[in-house]
Amino acid sequence: MPVFADDSEDDITARVQTQEHAIYPLVISWFAQGRLKMRDNAAWLDGRRLPPQGYASDE
């Protein structure tokens, strides 16, 4: 998530919420399909451990 020098707390909050609203339905569907799992204190998607910064896609 980019943070710009002139961003206010409200700017950053709005930017994060926009991303969260787009991502949450996708993540819930992955859990429901059994594709996303939590084990060994980490998130795994399709059998691959996700890096600490998470998953990124242009979809």
Protein backbone atom coordinates (compact mmCIF):
# COMPACT_ATOMS: atom_id res chain seq x y z
CA MET A 1 0.00 0.00 0.00
CA PRO A 2 1.63 3.27 -1.01
CA VAL A 3 1.98 6.01 1.58
CA PHE A 4 2.71 9.49 0.30
CA ALA A 5 4.45 12.31 2.16
CA ASP A 6 1.32 14.47 2.22
CA ASP A 7 -1.09 11.66 3.25
CA SER A 8 -3.22 12.20 6.31
CA GLU A 9 -4.33 9.36 8.56
CA ASP A 10 -7.75 9.56 6.88
CA ASP A 11 -6.17 9.25 3.41
CA ILE A 12 -4.32 6.09 4.40
CA THR A 13 -7.37 4.65 6.17
CA ALA A 14 -9.53 5.19 3.07
CA ARG A 15 -6.92 3.61 0.80
CA VAL A 16 -6.58 0.54 3.05
CA GLN A 17 -10.36 0.12 3.39
CA THR A 18 -10.80 0.21 -0.39
CA GLN A 19 -8.33 -2.66 -0.72
CA GLU A 20 -9.86 -4.59 2.18
CA HIS A 21 -13.34 -4.39 0.68
CA ALA A 22 -12.02 -5.80 -2.60
CA ILE A 23 -9.91 -8.55 -0.99
CA TYR A 24 -12.20 -9.91 1.75
CA PRO A 25 -14.73 -11.68 -0.52
CA LEU A 26 -11.88 -13.34 -2.42
CA VAL A 27 -10.16 -14.53 0.76
CA ILE A 28 -13.43 -15.88 2.20
CA SER A 29 -14.05 -17.83 -1.01
CA TRP A 30 -10.52 -19.30 -0.81
CA PHE A 31 -11.22 -20.45 2.77
CA ALA A 32 -14.60 -21.92 1.77
CA GLN A 33 -13.00 -23.78 -1.15
CA GLY A 34 -10.25 -25.14 1.10
CA ARG A 35 -7.57 -23.33 -0.90
CA LEU A 36 -6.44 -21.05 1.95
CA LYS A 37 -5.34 -22.62 5.23
CA MET A 38 -3.56 -21.49 8.36
CA ARG A 39 -0.88 -23.83 9.68
CA ASP A 40 2.52 -23.52 11.34
CA ASN A 41 1.59 -19.92 12.21
CA ALA A 42 1.47 -19.02 8.50
CA ALA A 43 -1.04 -18.68 5.67
CA TRP A 44 -0.91 -21.29 2.88
CA LEU A 45 -2.62 -20.87 -0.49
CA ASP A 46 -2.91 -23.85 -2.82
CA GLY A 47 -0.28 -25.71 -0.78
CA ARG A 48 2.28 -22.89 -0.93
CA ARG A 49 3.29 -20.86 2.09
CA LEU A 50 2.55 -17.17 1.58
CA PRO A 51 5.38 -14.73 2.30
CA PRO A 52 5.09 -12.29 5.24
CA GLN A 53 3.97 -9.50 2.90
CA GLY A 54 1.08 -11.69 1.70
CA TYR A 55 -0.33 -12.32 -1.74
CA ALA A 56 -0.49 -9.87 -4.62
CA SER A 57 -2.40 -10.20 -7.87
CA ASP A 58 -3.57 -7.96 -10.67
CA GLU A 59 -6.84 -9.93 -11.02
